[in-house]
Amino acid sequence: MTAEIPEPPPVDPRLLEILVCPVTKGPLRYDRARGELISDQAGLAYPIRDGIPIMLADEARRLDDPAPTR
């Protein structure tokens, strides 16, 4: 028996329009399937927890690291 993994809650689109990467100040793209905001310029993925983006470089995953399993 496999447990279903719930889909992450959506992030407010208005919030996504104003957020930028704290490292590069560049744009972010939203990866809803992984629950992350991606900074291609910095090579970082910022987690979204309970619908809240965690915009701390120390909490970000490097894009070349595997994504955590949910």
C-alpha atoms as a PDB file:
ATOM      1  CA  MET A   1       0.000   0.000   0.000  1.00  0.00           C
ATOM      2  CA  THR A   2       1.455   3.339  -1.062  1.00  0.00           C
ATOM      3  CA  ALA A   3       0.564   6.522   0.778  1.00  0.00           C
ATOM      4  CA  GLU A   4      -0.438   9.411  -1.440  1.00  0.00           C
ATOM      5  CA  ILE A   5       1.803  12.437  -1.193  1.00  0.00           C
ATOM      6  CA  PRO A   6      -0.313  15.558  -0.857  1.00  0.00           C
ATOM      7  CA  GLU A   7       0.323  18.321  -3.357  1.00  0.00           C
ATOM      8  CA  PRO A   8       1.893  21.428  -1.819  1.00  0.00           C
ATOM      9  CA  PRO A   9      -0.501  24.294  -1.174  1.00  0.00           C
ATOM     10  CA  PRO A  10      -0.467  27.023  -3.814  1.00  0.00           C
ATOM     11  CA  VAL A  11       1.481  30.215  -3.270  1.00  0.00           C
ATOM     12  CA  ASP A  12      -0.277  33.545  -3.741  1.00  0.00           C
ATOM     13  CA  PRO A  13       0.487  34.675  -7.324  1.00  0.00           C
ATOM     14  CA  ARG A  14       0.887  38.290  -6.160  1.00  0.00           C
ATOM     15  CA  LEU A  15       3.634  37.154  -3.799  1.00  0.00           C
ATOM     16  CA  LEU A  16       5.392  35.300  -6.610  1.00  0.00           C
ATOM     17  CA  GLU A  17       5.414  38.488  -8.685  1.00  0.00           C
ATOM     18  CA  ILE A  18       7.391  40.448  -6.082  1.00  0.00           C
ATOM     19  CA  LEU A  19       9.770  37.817  -4.695  1.00  0.00           C
ATOM     20  CA  VAL A  20      13.339  37.737  -5.982  1.00  0.00           C
ATOM     21  CA  CYS A  21      16.318  35.597  -5.101  1.00  0.00           C
ATOM     22  CA  PRO A  22      17.971  37.029  -1.970  1.00  0.00           C
ATOM     23  CA  VAL A  23      21.410  36.104  -3.336  1.00  0.00           C
ATOM     24  CA  THR A  24      21.236  37.454  -6.907  1.00  0.00           C
ATOM     25  CA  LYS A  25      18.132  39.691  -6.713  1.00  0.00           C
ATOM     26  CA  GLY A  26      17.123  37.887  -9.914  1.00  0.00           C
ATOM     27  CA  PRO A  27      13.819  36.261 -10.857  1.00  0.00           C
ATOM     28  CA  LEU A  28      12.454  33.050  -9.403  1.00  0.00           C
ATOM     29  CA  ARG A  29      10.357  30.380 -11.025  1.00  0.00           C
ATOM     30  CA  TYR A  30       7.802  28.352  -9.134  1.00  0.00           C
ATOM     31  CA  ASP A  31       8.080  24.559  -9.136  1.00  0.00           C
ATOM     32  CA  ARG A  32       4.765  23.561  -7.597  1.00  0.00           C
ATOM     33  CA  ALA A  33       5.430  19.825  -7.916  1.00  0.00           C
ATOM     34  CA  ARG A  34       8.489  20.120  -5.656  1.00  0.00           C
ATOM     35  CA  GLY A  35       7.191  22.992  -3.559  1.00  0.00           C
ATOM     36  CA  GLU A  36      10.167  25.217  -4.333  1.00  0.00           C
ATOM     37  CA  LEU A  37      11.077  28.582  -5.792  1.00  0.00           C
ATOM     38  CA  ILE A  38      13.989  28.166  -8.201  1.00  0.00           C
ATOM     39  CA  SER A  39      16.752  30.684  -8.800  1.00  0.00           C
ATOM     40  CA  ASP A  40      18.496  29.537 -11.969  1.00  0.00           C
ATOM     41  CA  GLN A  41      21.071  32.336 -11.630  1.00  0.00           C
ATOM     42  CA  ALA A  42      22.132  31.260  -8.133  1.00  0.00           C
ATOM     43  CA  GLY A  43      21.582  27.552  -8.717  1.00  0.00           C
ATOM     44  CA  LEU A  44      19.370  27.388  -5.616  1.00  0.00           C
ATOM     45  CA  ALA A  45      15.909  26.082  -4.786  1.00  0.00           C
ATOM     46  CA  TYR A  46      14.115  27.773  -1.892  1.00  0.00           C
ATOM     47  CA  PRO A  47      11.601  25.565  -0.077  1.00  0.00           C
ATOM     48  CA  ILE A  48       7.974  26.489   0.448  1.00  0.00           C
ATOM     49  CA  ARG A  49       6.637  25.250   3.773  1.00  0.00           C
ATOM     50  CA  ASP A  50       2.934  25.457   4.586  1.00  0.00           C
ATOM     51  CA  GLY A  51       2.505  27.928   1.709  1.00  0.00           C
ATOM     52  CA  ILE A  52       5.290  30.211   2.978  1.00  0.00           C
ATOM     53  CA  PRO A  53       8.477  30.654   0.900  1.00  0.00           C
ATOM     54  CA  ILE A  54      11.610  30.272   3.024  1.00  0.00           C
ATOM     55  CA  MET A  55      13.886  32.846   1.416  1.00  0.00           C
ATOM     56  CA  LEU A  56      17.082  32.072   3.322  1.00  0.00           C
ATOM     57  CA  ALA A  57      20.181  30.945   1.450  1.00  0.00           C
ATOM     58  CA  ASP A  58      21.031  28.626   4.360  1.00  0.00           C
ATOM     59  CA  GLU A  59      17.698  26.815   3.858  1.00  0.00           C
ATOM     60  CA  ALA A  60      18.009  26.571   0.067  1.00  0.00           C
ATOM     61  CA  ARG A  61      18.918  23.390  -1.788  1.00  0.00           C
ATOM     62  CA  ARG A  62      21.612  23.528  -4.451  1.00  0.00           C
ATOM     63  CA  LEU A  63      20.130  22.606  -7.810  1.00  0.00           C
ATOM     64  CA  ASP A  64      22.843  20.037  -8.378  1.00  0.00           C
ATOM     65  CA  ASP A  65      21.769  18.212  -5.166  1.00  0.00           C
ATOM     66  CA  PRO A  66      18.884  15.754  -5.374  1.00  0.00           C
ATOM     67  CA  ALA A  67      15.505  17.086  -4.308  1.00  0.00           C
ATOM     68  CA  PRO A  68      14.303  15.859  -0.933  1.00  0.00           C
ATOM     69  CA  THR A  69      11.587  13.265  -0.976  1.00  0.00           C
ATOM     70  CA  ARG A  70       8.284  14.327   0.472  1.00  0.00           C
END
